[in-house]
Amino acid sequence: MTTQYYTASSLDGYIATEDDSLEWLFPLADLEQTTYSSFISEVGAIAMGSSTYEWLLRHAVKLGTVDEGVWPYSQPTWIFTTRKLDVPAGADIRFAQGDIQHVHAQMKEVANTKNIWVMGGGELAGQFFDAGLLDELIVQIGSVSLGRGKSVFPRRVFSPTLRLTSVNHISEGMAELRYRIDRGCQAGPA
């Protein structure tokens, strides 16, 4: 079992624009070209922040509209928030706040031998990192620059904490970098 932060980032280190838009990402590569299919097949539990969750409700599920679809994940999903948020029909959504280690322990139990995906955002991944719970970063770097936005990983981390384990050319617009986290060398918030 591995706790992984799997995400996409602009060349200048942002996962979304300041208004949480991901429109920059979609033209860069076809999902079938990426490692997503093999990655998600090994995921047993998902952690996400409320901004990511609300983006999915608006853009993927289209909750409350005539075009409403289904929740895209079969895995139990923990949403880290202090607010009460809507839940799509049939989705295994669990709301969490407070001690990340306690929630991670619940996720490990449910995931069994499968991996835990820290979907985002970057601050949530940083909190898992700070608690010593993050094992791997998988970042697909897009050939765009946003100038400003939501940071991919808002932590100050120096080598050799992140050990590059692979580089994968996905398309003309995207490459994937995998980093193993050496817990003996972790730094803290930026």
N, C-alpha and C. Protein backbone atom coordinates (compact mmCIF):
# COMPACT_ATOMS: atom_id res chain seq x y z
N MET A 1 0.84 -1.19 0.00
CA MET A 1 0.00 0.00 0.00
C MET A 1 0.88 1.24 0.00
N THR A 2 0.52 2.17 -0.87
CA THR A 2 1.26 3.42 -1.00
C THR A 2 0.27 4.59 -0.97
N THR A 3 0.65 5.66 -0.31
CA THR A 3 -0.14 6.89 -0.34
C THR A 3 0.49 7.80 -1.37
N GLN A 4 -0.28 8.10 -2.43
CA GLN A 4 0.25 8.79 -3.60
C GLN A 4 -0.51 10.09 -3.87
N TYR A 5 0.23 11.10 -4.24
CA TYR A 5 -0.35 12.35 -4.74
C TYR A 5 -0.18 12.30 -6.25
N TYR A 6 -1.26 12.06 -6.98
CA TYR A 6 -1.26 11.95 -8.44
C TYR A 6 -2.00 13.16 -8.96
N THR A 7 -1.31 13.98 -9.77
CA THR A 7 -1.90 15.24 -10.21
C THR A 7 -1.26 15.72 -11.50
N ALA A 8 -1.76 16.80 -12.01
CA ALA A 8 -1.17 17.47 -13.17
C ALA A 8 -0.82 18.90 -12.77
N SER A 9 0.21 19.42 -13.41
CA SER A 9 0.68 20.77 -13.08
C SER A 9 1.11 21.49 -14.35
N SER A 10 0.97 22.80 -14.32
CA SER A 10 1.55 23.62 -15.38
C SER A 10 3.07 23.61 -15.21
N LEU A 11 3.77 24.05 -16.22
CA LEU A 11 5.23 24.12 -16.17
C LEU A 11 5.71 24.99 -15.01
N ASP A 12 4.93 26.01 -14.67
CA ASP A 12 5.34 26.90 -13.58
C ASP A 12 4.74 26.51 -12.23
N GLY A 13 4.23 25.29 -12.11
CA GLY A 13 3.89 24.74 -10.80
C GLY A 13 2.50 24.98 -10.26
N TYR A 14 1.50 25.11 -11.14
CA TYR A 14 0.14 25.32 -10.66
C TYR A 14 -0.78 24.20 -11.16
N ILE A 15 -1.68 23.74 -10.26
CA ILE A 15 -2.62 22.69 -10.64
C ILE A 15 -3.94 23.26 -11.15
N ALA A 16 -4.19 24.51 -10.84
CA ALA A 16 -5.42 25.18 -11.28
C ALA A 16 -5.18 26.68 -11.29
N THR A 17 -6.04 27.38 -12.01
CA THR A 17 -5.96 28.83 -12.01
C THR A 17 -6.46 29.35 -10.66
N GLU A 18 -6.37 30.64 -10.46
CA GLU A 18 -6.82 31.23 -9.20
C GLU A 18 -8.30 30.98 -8.94
N ASP A 19 -9.10 30.83 -10.01
CA ASP A 19 -10.53 30.57 -9.84
C ASP A 19 -10.86 29.08 -10.00
N ASP A 20 -9.87 28.22 -9.76
CA ASP A 20 -10.02 26.75 -9.75
C ASP A 20 -10.33 26.14 -11.11
N SER A 21 -9.99 26.82 -12.19
CA SER A 21 -10.23 26.27 -13.53
C SER A 21 -9.13 25.27 -13.90
N LEU A 22 -9.56 24.19 -14.57
CA LEU A 22 -8.64 23.19 -15.11
C LEU A 22 -8.68 23.16 -16.63
N GLU A 23 -9.30 24.15 -17.23
CA GLU A 23 -9.46 24.16 -18.69
C GLU A 23 -8.13 24.12 -19.43
N TRP A 24 -7.07 24.60 -18.82
CA TRP A 24 -5.74 24.59 -19.43
C TRP A 24 -5.24 23.17 -19.67
N LEU A 25 -5.73 22.22 -18.86
CA LEU A 25 -5.20 20.85 -18.85
C LEU A 25 -5.71 19.99 -20.00
N PHE A 26 -6.97 20.08 -20.32
CA PHE A 26 -7.60 19.13 -21.23
C PHE A 26 -7.03 19.06 -22.64
N PRO A 27 -6.57 20.16 -23.24
CA PRO A 27 -6.01 20.06 -24.60
C PRO A 27 -4.62 19.39 -24.66
N LEU A 28 -3.96 19.16 -23.52
CA LEU A 28 -2.57 18.72 -23.52
C LEU A 28 -2.36 17.25 -23.84
N ALA A 29 -3.31 16.39 -23.46
CA ALA A 29 -3.15 14.95 -23.70
C ALA A 29 -4.49 14.27 -23.53
N ASP A 30 -4.66 13.20 -24.24
CA ASP A 30 -5.84 12.35 -24.10
C ASP A 30 -5.64 11.49 -22.86
N LEU A 31 -6.67 11.35 -22.04
CA LEU A 31 -6.58 10.57 -20.81
C LEU A 31 -6.05 9.16 -21.08
N GLU A 32 -6.40 8.60 -22.22
CA GLU A 32 -5.95 7.24 -22.58
C GLU A 32 -4.44 7.17 -22.81
N GLN A 33 -3.79 8.31 -23.07
CA GLN A 33 -2.35 8.34 -23.26
C GLN A 33 -1.60 8.32 -21.92
N THR A 34 -2.28 8.64 -20.86
CA THR A 34 -1.63 8.77 -19.55
C THR A 34 -1.64 7.44 -18.81
N THR A 35 -1.06 7.45 -17.61
CA THR A 35 -1.02 6.26 -16.76
C THR A 35 -2.27 6.15 -15.89
N TYR A 36 -3.25 7.00 -16.11
CA TYR A 36 -4.42 7.05 -15.24
C TYR A 36 -5.11 5.70 -15.09
N SER A 37 -5.36 4.98 -16.17
CA SER A 37 -6.10 3.70 -16.09
C SER A 37 -5.41 2.70 -15.17
N SER A 38 -4.11 2.54 -15.33
CA SER A 38 -3.39 1.60 -14.46
C SER A 38 -3.31 2.14 -13.04
N PHE A 39 -3.16 3.46 -12.90
CA PHE A 39 -3.09 4.07 -11.58
C PHE A 39 -4.38 3.85 -10.80
N ILE A 40 -5.53 4.21 -11.39
CA ILE A 40 -6.80 4.15 -10.67
C ILE A 40 -7.20 2.71 -10.34
N SER A 41 -6.75 1.75 -11.13
CA SER A 41 -7.08 0.35 -10.84
C SER A 41 -6.44 -0.15 -9.55
N GLU A 42 -5.41 0.56 -9.08
CA GLU A 42 -4.71 0.18 -7.85
C GLU A 42 -5.12 1.03 -6.64
N VAL A 43 -6.13 1.90 -6.81
CA VAL A 43 -6.55 2.81 -5.74
C VAL A 43 -7.72 2.20 -4.97
N GLY A 44 -7.60 2.21 -3.63
CA GLY A 44 -8.66 1.68 -2.78
C GLY A 44 -9.38 2.74 -1.96
N ALA A 45 -8.82 3.94 -1.90
CA ALA A 45 -9.44 5.04 -1.15
C ALA A 45 -8.89 6.35 -1.70
N ILE A 46 -9.72 7.40 -1.63
CA ILE A 46 -9.35 8.71 -2.18
C ILE A 46 -9.52 9.78 -1.11
N ALA A 47 -8.56 10.72 -1.07
CA ALA A 47 -8.65 11.90 -0.22
C ALA A 47 -8.69 13.12 -1.12
N MET A 48 -9.59 14.05 -0.85
CA MET A 48 -9.60 15.29 -1.63
C MET A 48 -10.08 16.45 -0.77
N GLY A 49 -9.63 17.63 -1.14
CA GLY A 49 -10.06 18.84 -0.49
C GLY A 49 -11.40 19.29 -1.04
N SER A 50 -12.01 20.24 -0.37
CA SER A 50 -13.35 20.68 -0.77
C SER A 50 -13.37 21.40 -2.11
N SER A 51 -12.31 22.13 -2.47
CA SER A 51 -12.30 22.81 -3.78
C SER A 51 -12.30 21.79 -4.92
N THR A 52 -11.52 20.73 -4.78
CA THR A 52 -11.48 19.68 -5.79
C THR A 52 -12.84 19.00 -5.88
N TYR A 53 -13.41 18.69 -4.73
CA TYR A 53 -14.72 18.04 -4.68
C TYR A 53 -15.79 18.91 -5.35
N GLU A 54 -15.81 20.20 -5.00
CA GLU A 54 -16.82 21.09 -5.58
C GLU A 54 -16.61 21.26 -7.09
N TRP A 55 -15.36 21.25 -7.55
CA TRP A 55 -15.10 21.32 -8.99
C TRP A 55 -15.69 20.08 -9.67
N LEU A 56 -15.47 18.91 -9.09
CA LEU A 56 -16.02 17.68 -9.66
C LEU A 56 -17.55 17.70 -9.69
N LEU A 57 -18.16 18.20 -8.62
CA LEU A 57 -19.63 18.29 -8.59
C LEU A 57 -20.15 19.20 -9.70
N ARG A 58 -19.47 20.32 -9.94
CA ARG A 58 -19.90 21.27 -10.98
C ARG A 58 -19.61 20.78 -12.40
N HIS A 59 -18.41 20.21 -12.63
CA HIS A 59 -17.96 19.94 -13.99
C HIS A 59 -18.06 18.49 -14.44
N ALA A 60 -17.93 17.55 -13.53
CA ALA A 60 -18.01 16.13 -13.91
C ALA A 60 -19.40 15.57 -13.65
N VAL A 61 -19.91 15.78 -12.44
CA VAL A 61 -21.23 15.26 -12.07
C VAL A 61 -22.35 16.18 -12.56
N LYS A 62 -22.09 17.48 -12.54
CA LYS A 62 -23.08 18.51 -12.88
C LYS A 62 -24.31 18.38 -11.98
N LEU A 63 -24.01 18.24 -10.69
CA LEU A 63 -25.03 18.03 -9.66
C LEU A 63 -26.13 19.09 -9.72
N GLY A 64 -27.38 18.65 -9.72
CA GLY A 64 -28.52 19.55 -9.70
C GLY A 64 -28.91 20.12 -11.04
N THR A 65 -28.30 19.64 -12.12
CA THR A 65 -28.66 20.13 -13.45
C THR A 65 -29.39 19.05 -14.24
N VAL A 66 -29.95 19.41 -15.38
CA VAL A 66 -30.63 18.42 -16.22
C VAL A 66 -29.63 17.43 -16.82
N ASP A 67 -28.35 17.80 -16.84
CA ASP A 67 -27.30 16.93 -17.37
C ASP A 67 -26.58 16.14 -16.28
N GLU A 68 -27.19 16.05 -15.10
CA GLU A 68 -26.52 15.41 -13.96
C GLU A 68 -26.10 13.99 -14.30
N GLY A 69 -24.83 13.70 -13.97
CA GLY A 69 -24.27 12.38 -14.19
C GLY A 69 -23.98 11.69 -12.87
N VAL A 70 -23.21 10.63 -12.94
CA VAL A 70 -22.88 9.85 -11.75
C VAL A 70 -21.50 10.25 -11.23
N TRP A 71 -21.28 9.98 -9.97
CA TRP A 71 -19.98 10.21 -9.34
C TRP A 71 -18.96 9.32 -10.04
N PRO A 72 -17.81 9.84 -10.44
CA PRO A 72 -16.89 9.08 -11.28
C PRO A 72 -16.02 8.04 -10.57
N TYR A 73 -16.12 7.90 -9.26
CA TYR A 73 -15.23 6.99 -8.53
C TYR A 73 -16.03 5.96 -7.74
N SER A 74 -15.58 4.72 -7.80
CA SER A 74 -16.22 3.66 -7.01
C SER A 74 -15.58 3.56 -5.62
N GLN A 75 -14.39 4.11 -5.48
CA GLN A 75 -13.67 4.03 -4.21
C GLN A 75 -14.28 4.96 -3.16
N PRO A 76 -14.25 4.55 -1.89
CA PRO A 76 -14.66 5.45 -0.82
C PRO A 76 -13.79 6.71 -0.87
N THR A 77 -14.43 7.88 -0.71
CA THR A 77 -13.73 9.15 -0.86
C THR A 77 -13.95 10.01 0.38
N TRP A 78 -12.84 10.44 0.97
CA TRP A 78 -12.88 11.33 2.12
C TRP A 78 -12.69 12.75 1.64
N ILE A 79 -13.64 13.62 1.99
CA ILE A 79 -13.57 15.04 1.63
C ILE A 79 -13.17 15.81 2.87
N PHE A 80 -12.05 16.52 2.80
CA PHE A 80 -11.56 17.29 3.94
C PHE A 80 -12.17 18.68 3.86
N THR A 81 -13.08 18.95 4.79
CA THR A 81 -13.80 20.22 4.80
C THR A 81 -14.40 20.46 6.18
N THR A 82 -14.71 21.71 6.46
CA THR A 82 -15.43 22.04 7.68
C THR A 82 -16.88 22.42 7.35
N ARG A 83 -17.21 22.41 6.05
CA ARG A 83 -18.55 22.80 5.61
C ARG A 83 -19.41 21.58 5.28
N LYS A 84 -20.70 21.79 5.27
CA LYS A 84 -21.64 20.75 4.84
C LYS A 84 -21.80 20.90 3.33
N LEU A 85 -21.52 19.82 2.59
CA LEU A 85 -21.59 19.84 1.14
C LEU A 85 -22.53 18.76 0.63
N ASP A 86 -23.09 18.98 -0.53
CA ASP A 86 -23.99 18.01 -1.15
C ASP A 86 -23.23 16.75 -1.55
N VAL A 87 -23.98 15.65 -1.64
CA VAL A 87 -23.40 14.36 -2.02
C VAL A 87 -24.21 13.78 -3.17
N PRO A 88 -23.54 13.38 -4.27
CA PRO A 88 -24.26 12.77 -5.39
C PRO A 88 -24.84 11.41 -4.98
N ALA A 89 -25.96 11.06 -5.56
CA ALA A 89 -26.59 9.76 -5.28
C ALA A 89 -25.63 8.63 -5.60
N GLY A 90 -25.55 7.66 -4.70
CA GLY A 90 -24.75 6.47 -4.93
C GLY A 90 -23.27 6.61 -4.65
N ALA A 91 -22.80 7.81 -4.30
CA ALA A 91 -21.38 8.03 -4.05
C ALA A 91 -21.04 7.67 -2.60
N ASP A 92 -19.90 7.02 -2.40
CA ASP A 92 -19.42 6.70 -1.05
C ASP A 92 -18.52 7.85 -0.59
N ILE A 93 -19.15 8.90 -0.08
CA ILE A 93 -18.47 10.13 0.34
C ILE A 93 -18.47 10.18 1.86
N ARG A 94 -17.31 10.49 2.43
CA ARG A 94 -17.16 10.62 3.88
C ARG A 94 -16.48 11.96 4.14
N PHE A 95 -17.05 12.74 5.02
CA PHE A 95 -16.48 14.05 5.32
C PHE A 95 -15.53 13.94 6.50
N ALA A 96 -14.40 14.66 6.41
CA ALA A 96 -13.36 14.56 7.43
C ALA A 96 -12.80 15.94 7.74
N GLN A 97 -12.33 16.07 8.95
CA GLN A 97 -11.59 17.26 9.36
C GLN A 97 -10.75 16.88 10.56
N GLY A 98 -9.79 17.72 10.87
CA GLY A 98 -8.96 17.45 12.04
C GLY A 98 -7.74 16.61 11.72
N ASP A 99 -7.44 15.67 12.61
CA ASP A 99 -6.22 14.88 12.58
C ASP A 99 -6.10 14.02 11.32
N ILE A 100 -5.17 14.38 10.47
CA ILE A 100 -4.96 13.64 9.21
C ILE A 100 -4.51 12.21 9.48
N GLN A 101 -3.73 12.00 10.51
CA GLN A 101 -3.25 10.64 10.81
C GLN A 101 -4.42 9.71 11.14
N HIS A 102 -5.39 10.20 11.88
CA HIS A 102 -6.57 9.40 12.23
C HIS A 102 -7.37 9.04 10.96
N VAL A 103 -7.58 10.02 10.09
CA VAL A 103 -8.32 9.79 8.85
C VAL A 103 -7.55 8.84 7.95
N HIS A 104 -6.23 9.03 7.86
CA HIS A 104 -5.39 8.14 7.04
C HIS A 104 -5.50 6.69 7.53
N ALA A 105 -5.54 6.50 8.83
CA ALA A 105 -5.68 5.15 9.38
C ALA A 105 -7.01 4.52 8.93
N GLN A 106 -8.08 5.32 8.92
CA GLN A 106 -9.37 4.82 8.42
C GLN A 106 -9.29 4.47 6.94
N MET A 107 -8.62 5.31 6.18
CA MET A 107 -8.48 5.07 4.74
C MET A 107 -7.68 3.80 4.47
N LYS A 108 -6.61 3.59 5.23
CA LYS A 108 -5.79 2.38 5.07
C LYS A 108 -6.62 1.12 5.32
N GLU A 109 -7.44 1.19 6.35
CA GLU A 109 -8.28 0.03 6.69
C GLU A 109 -9.23 -0.29 5.54
N VAL A 110 -9.86 0.72 4.99
CA VAL A 110 -10.82 0.53 3.90
C VAL A 110 -10.11 0.12 2.60
N ALA A 111 -8.95 0.71 2.33
CA ALA A 111 -8.23 0.43 1.08
C ALA A 111 -7.66 -0.98 1.07
N ASN A 112 -7.49 -1.57 2.26
CA ASN A 112 -6.94 -2.91 2.40
C ASN A 112 -5.52 -2.93 1.85
N THR A 113 -5.25 -3.61 0.75
CA THR A 113 -3.90 -3.66 0.20
C THR A 113 -3.71 -2.68 -0.95
N LYS A 114 -4.76 -1.97 -1.33
CA LYS A 114 -4.66 -1.03 -2.45
C LYS A 114 -4.10 0.31 -1.96
N ASN A 115 -3.81 1.18 -2.90
CA ASN A 115 -3.20 2.47 -2.60
C ASN A 115 -4.22 3.52 -2.20
N ILE A 116 -3.72 4.57 -1.58
CA ILE A 116 -4.52 5.74 -1.23
C ILE A 116 -4.11 6.86 -2.17
N TRP A 117 -5.09 7.47 -2.81
CA TRP A 117 -4.83 8.59 -3.73
C TRP A 117 -5.19 9.88 -3.04
N VAL A 118 -4.20 10.73 -2.81
CA VAL A 118 -4.44 12.10 -2.37
C VAL A 118 -4.64 12.89 -3.67
N MET A 119 -5.90 13.12 -4.01
CA MET A 119 -6.24 13.72 -5.29
C MET A 119 -5.88 15.20 -5.33
N GLY A 120 -6.06 15.88 -4.28
CA GLY A 120 -5.77 17.31 -4.28
C GLY A 120 -6.73 18.04 -3.37
N GLY A 121 -6.39 19.22 -3.23
CA GLY A 121 -5.36 20.00 -3.87
C GLY A 121 -3.99 19.87 -3.23
N GLY A 122 -3.14 20.81 -3.66
CA GLY A 122 -1.77 20.80 -3.22
C GLY A 122 -1.60 20.97 -1.72
N GLU A 123 -2.44 21.80 -1.11
CA GLU A 123 -2.35 22.01 0.33
C GLU A 123 -2.68 20.73 1.10
N LEU A 124 -3.69 19.99 0.63
CA LEU A 124 -4.02 18.72 1.28
C LEU A 124 -2.86 17.74 1.15
N ALA A 125 -2.27 17.65 -0.04
CA ALA A 125 -1.11 16.77 -0.23
C ALA A 125 0.02 17.21 0.70
N GLY A 126 0.19 18.52 0.87
CA GLY A 126 1.20 19.03 1.78
C GLY A 126 0.95 18.62 3.22
N GLN A 127 -0.31 18.58 3.62
CA GLN A 127 -0.64 18.16 4.99
C GLN A 127 -0.32 16.68 5.19
N PHE A 128 -0.58 15.85 4.19
CA PHE A 128 -0.19 14.44 4.27
C PHE A 128 1.33 14.33 4.36
N PHE A 129 2.04 15.13 3.58
CA PHE A 129 3.50 15.16 3.61
C PHE A 129 4.00 15.57 5.00
N ASP A 130 3.43 16.66 5.54
CA ASP A 130 3.85 17.15 6.87
C ASP A 130 3.68 16.08 7.94
N ALA A 131 2.64 15.26 7.81
CA ALA A 131 2.37 14.21 8.80
C ALA A 131 3.19 12.95 8.55
N GLY A 132 4.03 12.95 7.50
CA GLY A 132 4.86 11.79 7.20
C GLY A 132 4.08 10.65 6.57
N LEU A 133 2.96 10.95 5.92
CA LEU A 133 2.07 9.91 5.38
C LEU A 133 2.13 9.78 3.86
N LEU A 134 2.82 10.68 3.19
CA LEU A 134 2.87 10.66 1.73
C LEU A 134 4.10 9.87 1.28
N ASP A 135 3.88 8.89 0.40
CA ASP A 135 4.97 8.04 -0.07
C ASP A 135 5.49 8.40 -1.46
N GLU A 136 4.62 8.95 -2.30
CA GLU A 136 5.01 9.16 -3.69
C GLU A 136 4.27 10.35 -4.29
N LEU A 137 4.97 11.10 -5.14
CA LEU A 137 4.37 12.16 -5.94
C LEU A 137 4.42 11.70 -7.40
N ILE A 138 3.29 11.79 -8.08
CA ILE A 138 3.22 11.50 -9.51
C ILE A 138 2.62 12.76 -10.14
N VAL A 139 3.46 13.50 -10.85
CA VAL A 139 3.04 14.79 -11.38
C VAL A 139 3.19 14.80 -12.89
N GLN A 140 2.09 15.04 -13.58
CA GLN A 140 2.12 15.19 -15.03
C GLN A 140 2.27 16.67 -15.32
N ILE A 141 3.41 17.02 -15.93
CA ILE A 141 3.76 18.41 -16.19
C ILE A 141 3.29 18.78 -17.59
N GLY A 142 2.43 19.80 -17.67
CA GLY A 142 1.91 20.26 -18.94
C GLY A 142 2.74 21.39 -19.53
N SER A 143 2.72 21.50 -20.84
CA SER A 143 3.52 22.52 -21.54
C SER A 143 2.76 23.85 -21.63
N VAL A 144 2.31 24.32 -20.48
CA VAL A 144 1.66 25.63 -20.37
C VAL A 144 2.22 26.34 -19.14
N SER A 145 2.07 27.64 -19.12
CA SER A 145 2.46 28.44 -17.98
C SER A 145 1.25 29.29 -17.58
N LEU A 146 0.86 29.22 -16.33
CA LEU A 146 -0.33 29.94 -15.87
C LEU A 146 -0.02 31.28 -15.23
N GLY A 147 1.20 31.47 -14.76
CA GLY A 147 1.57 32.73 -14.14
C GLY A 147 1.17 32.85 -12.69
N ARG A 148 -0.02 32.38 -12.36
CA ARG A 148 -0.54 32.38 -10.99
C ARG A 148 -1.56 31.27 -10.87
N GLY A 149 -1.89 30.91 -9.65
CA GLY A 149 -2.92 29.89 -9.44
C GLY A 149 -2.71 29.13 -8.16
N LYS A 150 -3.21 27.90 -8.15
CA LYS A 150 -3.12 27.02 -6.98
C LYS A 150 -1.85 26.16 -7.12
N SER A 151 -0.96 26.27 -6.16
CA SER A 151 0.33 25.60 -6.20
C SER A 151 0.18 24.08 -6.18
N VAL A 152 1.00 23.42 -6.98
CA VAL A 152 0.97 21.96 -7.04
C VAL A 152 1.37 21.33 -5.70
N PHE A 153 2.32 21.94 -4.99
CA PHE A 153 2.80 21.36 -3.72
C PHE A 153 3.41 22.48 -2.89
N PRO A 154 2.59 23.20 -2.13
CA PRO A 154 3.07 24.38 -1.40
C PRO A 154 3.88 24.04 -0.15
N ARG A 155 5.01 23.40 -0.39
CA ARG A 155 5.92 23.04 0.69
C ARG A 155 7.34 23.30 0.22
N ARG A 156 8.21 23.63 1.15
CA ARG A 156 9.63 23.77 0.85
C ARG A 156 10.25 22.39 1.09
N VAL A 157 10.74 21.79 0.01
CA VAL A 157 11.32 20.46 0.08
C VAL A 157 12.65 20.48 -0.67
N PHE A 158 13.71 20.09 -0.01
CA PHE A 158 15.02 20.06 -0.62
C PHE A 158 15.47 18.63 -0.87
N SER A 159 16.36 18.47 -1.84
CA SER A 159 16.93 17.17 -2.14
C SER A 159 17.72 16.72 -0.91
N PRO A 160 17.76 15.47 -0.59
CA PRO A 160 17.32 14.31 -1.35
C PRO A 160 15.95 13.77 -0.94
N THR A 161 15.09 14.60 -0.35
CA THR A 161 13.78 14.13 0.09
C THR A 161 12.98 13.51 -1.04
N LEU A 162 12.97 14.17 -2.20
CA LEU A 162 12.25 13.65 -3.36
C LEU A 162 13.25 12.95 -4.27
N ARG A 163 13.02 11.67 -4.50
CA ARG A 163 13.92 10.89 -5.35
C ARG A 163 13.19 10.53 -6.64
N LEU A 164 13.65 11.09 -7.75
CA LEU A 164 13.05 10.84 -9.05
C LEU A 164 13.21 9.36 -9.41
N THR A 165 12.09 8.68 -9.65
CA THR A 165 12.14 7.25 -9.98
C THR A 165 11.81 6.97 -11.44
N SER A 166 11.07 7.87 -12.11
CA SER A 166 10.80 7.66 -13.54
C SER A 166 10.34 8.95 -14.20
N VAL A 167 10.55 8.98 -15.52
CA VAL A 167 10.08 10.07 -16.37
C VAL A 167 9.42 9.41 -17.56
N ASN A 168 8.18 9.83 -17.87
CA ASN A 168 7.42 9.22 -18.96
C ASN A 168 6.93 10.31 -19.91
N HIS A 169 7.29 10.19 -21.17
CA HIS A 169 6.80 11.11 -22.20
C HIS A 169 5.39 10.69 -22.57
N ILE A 170 4.40 11.54 -22.32
CA ILE A 170 3.01 11.21 -22.60
C ILE A 170 2.60 11.70 -23.98
N SER A 171 2.92 12.95 -24.27
CA SER A 171 2.54 13.57 -25.54
C SER A 171 3.43 14.79 -25.75
N GLU A 172 3.21 15.50 -26.84
CA GLU A 172 3.95 16.74 -27.07
C GLU A 172 3.68 17.76 -25.97
N GLY A 173 2.53 17.62 -25.32
CA GLY A 173 2.14 18.59 -24.31
C GLY A 173 2.32 18.15 -22.87
N MET A 174 2.79 16.91 -22.63
CA MET A 174 2.81 16.44 -21.26
C MET A 174 3.85 15.36 -21.02
N ALA A 175 4.49 15.43 -19.84
CA ALA A 175 5.40 14.40 -19.36
C ALA A 175 5.05 14.08 -17.91
N GLU A 176 5.31 12.86 -17.49
CA GLU A 176 5.00 12.45 -16.12
C GLU A 176 6.29 12.20 -15.35
N LEU A 177 6.38 12.79 -14.17
CA LEU A 177 7.50 12.59 -13.26
C LEU A 177 7.01 11.86 -12.03
N ARG A 178 7.75 10.84 -11.61
CA ARG A 178 7.43 10.11 -10.38
C ARG A 178 8.56 10.30 -9.37
N TYR A 179 8.17 10.66 -8.15
CA TYR A 179 9.13 10.85 -7.08
C TYR A 179 8.76 9.98 -5.88
N ARG A 180 9.71 9.27 -5.35
CA ARG A 180 9.54 8.57 -4.08
C ARG A 180 9.97 9.55 -2.99
N ILE A 181 9.26 9.55 -1.87
CA ILE A 181 9.57 10.46 -0.77
C ILE A 181 10.40 9.72 0.27
N ASP A 182 11.57 10.26 0.55
CA ASP A 182 12.45 9.72 1.58
C ASP A 182 12.06 10.40 2.89
N ARG A 183 11.34 9.67 3.73
CA ARG A 183 10.79 10.26 4.95
C ARG A 183 11.85 10.74 5.93
N GLY A 184 13.04 10.23 5.82
CA GLY A 184 14.11 10.65 6.74
C GLY A 184 14.61 12.05 6.47
N CYS A 185 14.19 12.65 5.34
CA CYS A 185 14.70 13.96 4.93
C CYS A 185 13.62 15.02 4.81
N GLN A 186 12.44 14.81 5.34
CA GLN A 186 11.32 15.73 5.08
C GLN A 186 11.52 17.10 5.70
N ALA A 187 11.08 18.09 4.94
CA ALA A 187 11.03 19.48 5.40
C ALA A 187 9.59 19.81 5.72
N GLY A 188 9.29 21.06 6.02
CA GLY A 188 7.94 21.44 6.39
C GLY A 188 7.31 22.46 5.47
N PRO A 189 6.28 23.16 5.94
CA PRO A 189 5.57 24.13 5.11
C PRO A 189 6.49 25.23 4.62
N ALA A 190 6.15 25.76 3.45
CA ALA A 190 6.94 26.86 2.86
C ALA A 190 6.67 28.16 3.59
